[in-house]
Amino acid sequence: MYVAVKGGEKAVANSRNLVAETRRGPKTIPPIQSVQIEHQMGLGVDRVIAQGSLYDKKAAATALKQAQGDTVESIFLVRAFRTTLKRFGTSAPVDTQQMKTIRRISGIYIEDLTREPLKLPASRSIRLQNLARGAG
């Protein structure tokens, strides 16, 4: 079911204010600073850095603050922020027609899971092949 929302920019501004008030909490308690999160919640900051693929402690701490400590949401925020950053390194395309193969590496299996279904109990190599193929 679709419900139209009325109010336009005023509704959006009111929504943002409500979220800010909720995030802030009681005004009798001093607001938490991103620098506190950066230094006192190191493991959470590191998780956001690793999963967000952006090594920026301040951005990770700010994202944790904005997401009220929700690491999954913080990771999403950092990833979104990362997409807005300028890329400082570029590479030229390679003409693969000019490439010369020196060594080719491929997996060799005694049993082939693509031709026969997995039978349990299975040897270690067969179980690893199953995992490598993403079969579960």
N, C-alpha and C. Protein backbone atom coordinates (compact mmCIF):
# COMPACT_ATOMS: atom_id res chain seq x y z
N MET A 1 0.84 -1.17 0.00
CA MET A 1 0.00 0.00 0.00
C MET A 1 0.89 1.23 0.00
N TYR A 2 0.57 2.21 -0.80
CA TYR A 2 1.32 3.46 -0.90
C TYR A 2 0.56 4.54 -0.16
N VAL A 3 1.28 5.29 0.67
CA VAL A 3 0.68 6.39 1.40
C VAL A 3 1.47 7.65 1.07
N ALA A 4 0.82 8.65 0.56
CA ALA A 4 1.49 9.90 0.23
C ALA A 4 1.85 10.65 1.51
N VAL A 5 3.01 11.25 1.51
CA VAL A 5 3.46 12.03 2.65
C VAL A 5 3.39 13.50 2.28
N LYS A 6 2.78 14.27 3.14
CA LYS A 6 2.65 15.70 2.87
C LYS A 6 3.54 16.47 3.82
N GLY A 7 3.92 17.65 3.40
CA GLY A 7 4.72 18.50 4.27
C GLY A 7 6.02 18.94 3.64
N GLY A 8 6.51 18.19 2.69
CA GLY A 8 7.69 18.56 1.93
C GLY A 8 8.92 18.82 2.78
N GLU A 9 9.58 19.94 2.50
CA GLU A 9 10.83 20.28 3.18
C GLU A 9 10.66 20.46 4.69
N LYS A 10 9.52 20.99 5.08
CA LYS A 10 9.27 21.17 6.52
C LYS A 10 9.20 19.82 7.23
N ALA A 11 8.58 18.83 6.60
CA ALA A 11 8.50 17.49 7.19
C ALA A 11 9.88 16.86 7.30
N VAL A 12 10.70 17.05 6.28
CA VAL A 12 12.06 16.51 6.30
C VAL A 12 12.86 17.18 7.41
N ALA A 13 12.76 18.50 7.53
CA ALA A 13 13.48 19.23 8.58
C ALA A 13 13.03 18.77 9.97
N ASN A 14 11.72 18.61 10.16
CA ASN A 14 11.21 18.14 11.45
C ASN A 14 11.70 16.73 11.76
N SER A 15 11.74 15.88 10.72
CA SER A 15 12.23 14.52 10.90
C SER A 15 13.69 14.52 11.34
N ARG A 16 14.50 15.34 10.68
CA ARG A 16 15.92 15.43 11.05
C ARG A 16 16.09 15.94 12.47
N ASN A 17 15.29 16.92 12.86
CA ASN A 17 15.37 17.44 14.23
C ASN A 17 15.00 16.37 15.26
N LEU A 18 13.97 15.60 14.96
CA LEU A 18 13.55 14.54 15.87
C LEU A 18 14.65 13.49 16.02
N VAL A 19 15.26 13.10 14.90
CA VAL A 19 16.35 12.12 14.96
C VAL A 19 17.52 12.68 15.77
N ALA A 20 17.85 13.95 15.55
CA ALA A 20 18.96 14.58 16.28
C ALA A 20 18.68 14.62 17.78
N GLU A 21 17.45 14.95 18.16
CA GLU A 21 17.08 14.98 19.58
C GLU A 21 17.16 13.59 20.20
N THR A 22 16.68 12.59 19.47
CA THR A 22 16.71 11.22 19.96
C THR A 22 18.13 10.73 20.11
N ARG A 23 18.97 11.04 19.12
CA ARG A 23 20.37 10.62 19.16
C ARG A 23 21.10 11.31 20.32
N ARG A 24 20.79 12.56 20.57
CA ARG A 24 21.48 13.34 21.59
C ARG A 24 21.20 12.84 23.00
N GLY A 25 19.99 12.40 23.24
CA GLY A 25 19.64 11.95 24.58
C GLY A 25 19.37 13.12 25.51
N PRO A 26 19.35 12.84 26.83
CA PRO A 26 19.05 13.91 27.80
C PRO A 26 20.09 15.03 27.74
N LYS A 27 19.62 16.27 27.79
CA LYS A 27 20.52 17.42 27.71
C LYS A 27 21.27 17.66 29.02
N THR A 28 20.91 16.91 30.06
CA THR A 28 21.62 17.03 31.33
C THR A 28 22.95 16.27 31.30
N ILE A 29 23.12 15.43 30.31
CA ILE A 29 24.36 14.66 30.15
C ILE A 29 25.16 15.29 29.03
N PRO A 30 26.46 15.53 29.22
CA PRO A 30 27.27 16.12 28.15
C PRO A 30 27.27 15.22 26.91
N PRO A 31 27.26 15.82 25.72
CA PRO A 31 27.26 15.01 24.50
C PRO A 31 28.57 14.26 24.33
N ILE A 32 28.50 13.06 23.81
CA ILE A 32 29.70 12.28 23.55
C ILE A 32 30.38 12.86 22.30
N GLN A 33 31.68 12.89 22.33
CA GLN A 33 32.45 13.44 21.21
C GLN A 33 33.04 12.30 20.38
N SER A 34 33.22 12.54 19.09
CA SER A 34 33.79 11.53 18.21
C SER A 34 35.19 11.12 18.66
N VAL A 35 35.93 12.06 19.22
CA VAL A 35 37.29 11.74 19.69
C VAL A 35 37.24 10.74 20.84
N GLN A 36 36.21 10.81 21.67
CA GLN A 36 36.04 9.82 22.74
C GLN A 36 35.78 8.44 22.16
N ILE A 37 34.93 8.37 21.17
CA ILE A 37 34.62 7.09 20.52
C ILE A 37 35.88 6.54 19.86
N GLU A 38 36.62 7.41 19.17
CA GLU A 38 37.84 6.99 18.47
C GLU A 38 38.84 6.35 19.42
N HIS A 39 38.99 6.90 20.63
CA HIS A 39 40.01 6.42 21.56
C HIS A 39 39.50 5.42 22.59
N GLN A 40 38.19 5.42 22.87
CA GLN A 40 37.68 4.54 23.92
C GLN A 40 36.89 3.35 23.38
N MET A 41 36.57 3.37 22.10
CA MET A 41 35.85 2.24 21.48
C MET A 41 36.66 1.75 20.28
N GLY A 42 37.95 1.47 20.54
CA GLY A 42 38.89 1.12 19.49
C GLY A 42 38.48 -0.07 18.65
N LEU A 43 37.97 -1.12 19.27
CA LEU A 43 37.59 -2.31 18.51
C LEU A 43 36.40 -2.03 17.59
N GLY A 44 35.46 -1.25 18.07
CA GLY A 44 34.32 -0.88 17.21
C GLY A 44 34.76 -0.01 16.05
N VAL A 45 35.65 0.93 16.32
CA VAL A 45 36.19 1.80 15.26
C VAL A 45 36.95 0.96 14.24
N ASP A 46 37.78 0.03 14.73
CA ASP A 46 38.55 -0.84 13.84
C ASP A 46 37.63 -1.70 12.97
N ARG A 47 36.55 -2.19 13.54
CA ARG A 47 35.60 -3.00 12.76
C ARG A 47 34.98 -2.18 11.64
N VAL A 48 34.58 -0.95 11.95
CA VAL A 48 33.98 -0.08 10.94
C VAL A 48 35.00 0.24 9.85
N ILE A 49 36.26 0.47 10.25
CA ILE A 49 37.32 0.74 9.27
C ILE A 49 37.50 -0.46 8.35
N ALA A 50 37.60 -1.65 8.93
CA ALA A 50 37.84 -2.85 8.13
C ALA A 50 36.67 -3.17 7.20
N GLN A 51 35.47 -3.15 7.72
CA GLN A 51 34.31 -3.51 6.91
C GLN A 51 33.90 -2.39 5.95
N GLY A 52 34.20 -1.15 6.31
CA GLY A 52 33.87 -0.02 5.45
C GLY A 52 34.92 0.23 4.39
N SER A 53 36.06 -0.46 4.49
CA SER A 53 37.16 -0.33 3.53
C SER A 53 37.65 1.10 3.40
N LEU A 54 37.79 1.77 4.52
CA LEU A 54 38.31 3.13 4.54
C LEU A 54 39.07 3.33 5.84
N TYR A 55 40.40 3.50 5.74
CA TYR A 55 41.20 3.69 6.94
C TYR A 55 41.14 5.16 7.33
N ASP A 56 40.15 5.49 8.12
CA ASP A 56 39.96 6.84 8.62
C ASP A 56 39.26 6.73 9.97
N LYS A 57 40.07 6.83 11.03
CA LYS A 57 39.52 6.64 12.38
C LYS A 57 38.46 7.69 12.71
N LYS A 58 38.68 8.92 12.27
CA LYS A 58 37.71 9.97 12.57
C LYS A 58 36.39 9.72 11.87
N ALA A 59 36.45 9.28 10.62
CA ALA A 59 35.21 8.98 9.89
C ALA A 59 34.48 7.81 10.53
N ALA A 60 35.22 6.79 10.95
CA ALA A 60 34.61 5.62 11.59
C ALA A 60 33.97 6.01 12.92
N ALA A 61 34.67 6.83 13.70
CA ALA A 61 34.12 7.27 14.99
C ALA A 61 32.88 8.13 14.80
N THR A 62 32.92 9.01 13.82
CA THR A 62 31.76 9.86 13.53
C THR A 62 30.58 9.01 13.07
N ALA A 63 30.85 8.00 12.25
CA ALA A 63 29.78 7.11 11.80
C ALA A 63 29.16 6.36 12.97
N LEU A 64 30.00 5.88 13.89
CA LEU A 64 29.47 5.20 15.09
C LEU A 64 28.60 6.13 15.91
N LYS A 65 29.02 7.38 16.02
CA LYS A 65 28.23 8.36 16.76
C LYS A 65 26.89 8.61 16.07
N GLN A 66 26.93 8.80 14.76
CA GLN A 66 25.70 9.07 14.01
C GLN A 66 24.74 7.88 14.05
N ALA A 67 25.30 6.67 14.08
CA ALA A 67 24.46 5.46 14.08
C ALA A 67 24.15 4.99 15.49
N GLN A 68 24.45 5.79 16.47
CA GLN A 68 24.20 5.48 17.88
C GLN A 68 24.80 4.15 18.29
N GLY A 69 26.01 3.85 17.76
CA GLY A 69 26.72 2.64 18.15
C GLY A 69 26.38 1.41 17.33
N ASP A 70 25.48 1.51 16.39
CA ASP A 70 25.12 0.39 15.53
C ASP A 70 26.24 0.21 14.49
N THR A 71 27.06 -0.85 14.67
CA THR A 71 28.21 -1.02 13.78
C THR A 71 27.80 -1.31 12.34
N VAL A 72 26.74 -2.06 12.14
CA VAL A 72 26.31 -2.36 10.77
C VAL A 72 25.92 -1.07 10.05
N GLU A 73 25.15 -0.23 10.71
CA GLU A 73 24.76 1.05 10.13
C GLU A 73 25.98 1.94 9.93
N SER A 74 26.92 1.90 10.87
CA SER A 74 28.15 2.70 10.76
C SER A 74 28.95 2.28 9.54
N ILE A 75 29.05 0.99 9.31
CA ILE A 75 29.77 0.48 8.14
C ILE A 75 29.10 0.98 6.87
N PHE A 76 27.79 0.96 6.83
CA PHE A 76 27.04 1.46 5.68
C PHE A 76 27.35 2.94 5.45
N LEU A 77 27.37 3.72 6.53
CA LEU A 77 27.65 5.14 6.42
C LEU A 77 29.06 5.40 5.89
N VAL A 78 30.04 4.63 6.38
CA VAL A 78 31.42 4.81 5.92
C VAL A 78 31.55 4.42 4.45
N ARG A 79 30.89 3.35 4.05
CA ARG A 79 30.94 2.95 2.64
C ARG A 79 30.33 4.03 1.76
N ALA A 80 29.22 4.60 2.20
CA ALA A 80 28.58 5.67 1.43
C ALA A 80 29.50 6.88 1.35
N PHE A 81 30.15 7.22 2.46
CA PHE A 81 31.10 8.34 2.49
C PHE A 81 32.27 8.07 1.56
N ARG A 82 32.78 6.84 1.57
CA ARG A 82 33.93 6.47 0.74
C ARG A 82 33.64 6.70 -0.73
N THR A 83 32.41 6.45 -1.16
CA THR A 83 32.08 6.62 -2.58
C THR A 83 32.11 8.07 -3.02
N THR A 84 32.07 9.01 -2.07
CA THR A 84 32.10 10.43 -2.42
C THR A 84 33.52 10.98 -2.52
N LEU A 85 34.51 10.20 -2.09
CA LEU A 85 35.89 10.68 -2.08
C LEU A 85 36.51 10.63 -3.47
N LYS A 86 37.41 11.58 -3.73
CA LYS A 86 38.13 11.58 -5.00
C LYS A 86 39.11 10.42 -5.02
N ARG A 87 39.28 9.86 -6.19
CA ARG A 87 40.27 8.80 -6.36
C ARG A 87 41.59 9.45 -6.73
N PHE A 88 42.62 9.11 -5.98
CA PHE A 88 43.91 9.74 -6.22
C PHE A 88 44.87 8.87 -7.01
N GLY A 89 44.49 7.67 -7.32
CA GLY A 89 45.34 6.78 -8.09
C GLY A 89 44.56 6.16 -9.23
N THR A 90 45.14 6.16 -10.40
CA THR A 90 44.50 5.53 -11.54
C THR A 90 45.51 4.62 -12.22
N SER A 91 45.03 3.72 -12.99
CA SER A 91 45.92 2.83 -13.74
C SER A 91 45.48 2.78 -15.19
N ALA A 92 46.45 2.57 -16.04
CA ALA A 92 46.15 2.48 -17.47
C ALA A 92 45.66 1.09 -17.81
N PRO A 93 44.75 0.96 -18.76
CA PRO A 93 44.29 -0.38 -19.16
C PRO A 93 45.44 -1.15 -19.82
N VAL A 94 45.41 -2.46 -19.65
CA VAL A 94 46.44 -3.32 -20.20
C VAL A 94 45.90 -4.00 -21.45
N ASP A 95 46.71 -4.03 -22.50
CA ASP A 95 46.33 -4.73 -23.71
C ASP A 95 46.64 -6.21 -23.51
N THR A 96 45.63 -6.98 -23.23
CA THR A 96 45.85 -8.40 -22.92
C THR A 96 46.29 -9.21 -24.13
N GLN A 97 46.11 -8.67 -25.31
CA GLN A 97 46.59 -9.36 -26.52
C GLN A 97 48.12 -9.43 -26.53
N GLN A 98 48.75 -8.49 -25.86
CA GLN A 98 50.21 -8.44 -25.84
C GLN A 98 50.81 -9.21 -24.67
N MET A 99 49.97 -9.78 -23.82
CA MET A 99 50.46 -10.51 -22.65
C MET A 99 50.97 -11.89 -23.04
N LYS A 100 51.99 -12.34 -22.35
CA LYS A 100 52.54 -13.68 -22.57
C LYS A 100 52.38 -14.48 -21.28
N THR A 101 51.73 -15.62 -21.37
CA THR A 101 51.53 -16.46 -20.20
C THR A 101 52.81 -17.19 -19.87
N ILE A 102 53.29 -17.00 -18.66
CA ILE A 102 54.50 -17.67 -18.22
C ILE A 102 54.14 -18.95 -17.48
N ARG A 103 53.14 -18.86 -16.64
CA ARG A 103 52.74 -20.00 -15.83
C ARG A 103 51.25 -19.94 -15.60
N ARG A 104 50.61 -21.06 -15.73
CA ARG A 104 49.18 -21.13 -15.49
C ARG A 104 48.94 -22.05 -14.30
N ILE A 105 48.13 -21.57 -13.37
CA ILE A 105 47.84 -22.35 -12.17
C ILE A 105 46.38 -22.73 -12.20
N SER A 106 46.10 -24.00 -12.03
CA SER A 106 44.71 -24.44 -11.97
C SER A 106 44.60 -25.56 -10.95
N GLY A 107 43.43 -25.70 -10.41
CA GLY A 107 43.20 -26.77 -9.44
C GLY A 107 43.01 -28.10 -10.13
N ILE A 108 43.62 -29.13 -9.56
CA ILE A 108 43.46 -30.48 -10.10
C ILE A 108 42.85 -31.32 -8.98
N TYR A 109 41.76 -32.00 -9.29
CA TYR A 109 41.07 -32.80 -8.29
C TYR A 109 41.00 -34.26 -8.76
N ILE A 110 41.22 -35.18 -7.84
CA ILE A 110 41.10 -36.61 -8.17
C ILE A 110 39.66 -36.92 -8.50
N GLU A 111 38.67 -36.51 -7.63
CA GLU A 111 37.23 -36.61 -7.92
C GLU A 111 36.75 -35.24 -8.38
N ASP A 112 35.75 -35.19 -9.25
CA ASP A 112 35.24 -33.94 -9.78
C ASP A 112 33.80 -33.75 -9.30
N LEU A 113 33.59 -32.74 -8.46
CA LEU A 113 32.25 -32.50 -7.91
C LEU A 113 31.28 -31.95 -8.95
N THR A 114 31.80 -31.49 -10.07
CA THR A 114 30.88 -30.96 -11.09
C THR A 114 30.20 -32.08 -11.86
N ARG A 115 30.74 -33.30 -11.76
CA ARG A 115 30.16 -34.42 -12.50
C ARG A 115 29.36 -35.37 -11.61
N GLU A 116 29.75 -35.42 -10.33
CA GLU A 116 29.05 -36.30 -9.39
C GLU A 116 28.76 -35.53 -8.11
N PRO A 117 27.61 -35.78 -7.51
CA PRO A 117 27.30 -35.07 -6.25
C PRO A 117 28.21 -35.54 -5.12
N LEU A 118 28.36 -34.69 -4.12
CA LEU A 118 29.18 -34.99 -2.96
C LEU A 118 28.61 -36.18 -2.19
N LYS A 119 29.47 -37.13 -1.88
CA LYS A 119 29.07 -38.30 -1.10
C LYS A 119 29.79 -38.25 0.24
N LEU A 120 29.03 -38.34 1.31
CA LEU A 120 29.60 -38.30 2.66
C LEU A 120 29.72 -39.71 3.21
N PRO A 121 30.70 -40.02 4.00
CA PRO A 121 31.81 -39.15 4.38
C PRO A 121 32.75 -38.93 3.20
N ALA A 122 33.34 -37.73 3.14
CA ALA A 122 34.23 -37.37 2.04
C ALA A 122 35.62 -37.06 2.60
N SER A 123 36.61 -37.21 1.76
CA SER A 123 37.98 -36.91 2.17
C SER A 123 38.14 -35.40 2.34
N ARG A 124 39.21 -35.02 2.99
CA ARG A 124 39.48 -33.60 3.24
C ARG A 124 39.57 -32.83 1.92
N SER A 125 40.27 -33.37 0.93
CA SER A 125 40.43 -32.66 -0.34
C SER A 125 39.09 -32.45 -1.04
N ILE A 126 38.20 -33.41 -0.92
CA ILE A 126 36.87 -33.27 -1.55
C ILE A 126 36.05 -32.22 -0.81
N ARG A 127 36.13 -32.22 0.52
CA ARG A 127 35.39 -31.21 1.29
C ARG A 127 35.90 -29.82 0.97
N LEU A 128 37.23 -29.66 0.84
CA LEU A 128 37.80 -28.36 0.49
C LEU A 128 37.39 -27.93 -0.91
N GLN A 129 37.35 -28.87 -1.84
CA GLN A 129 36.89 -28.57 -3.19
C GLN A 129 35.45 -28.08 -3.15
N ASN A 130 34.64 -28.73 -2.35
CA ASN A 130 33.24 -28.35 -2.20
C ASN A 130 33.13 -26.91 -1.67
N LEU A 131 33.94 -26.59 -0.66
CA LEU A 131 33.92 -25.24 -0.11
C LEU A 131 34.42 -24.22 -1.13
N ALA A 132 35.50 -24.56 -1.83
CA ALA A 132 36.08 -23.64 -2.82
C ALA A 132 35.10 -23.32 -3.94
N ARG A 133 34.27 -24.25 -4.28
CA ARG A 133 33.30 -24.04 -5.34
C ARG A 133 32.07 -23.33 -4.84
N GLY A 134 32.01 -23.08 -3.54
CA GLY A 134 30.87 -22.36 -2.99
C GLY A 134 29.61 -23.19 -2.89
N ALA A 135 29.79 -24.50 -2.86
CA ALA A 135 28.62 -25.37 -2.82
C ALA A 135 28.07 -25.54 -1.42
N GLY A 136 28.81 -25.08 -0.46
CA GLY A 136 28.21 -25.06 0.82
C GLY A 136 28.70 -25.91 1.89
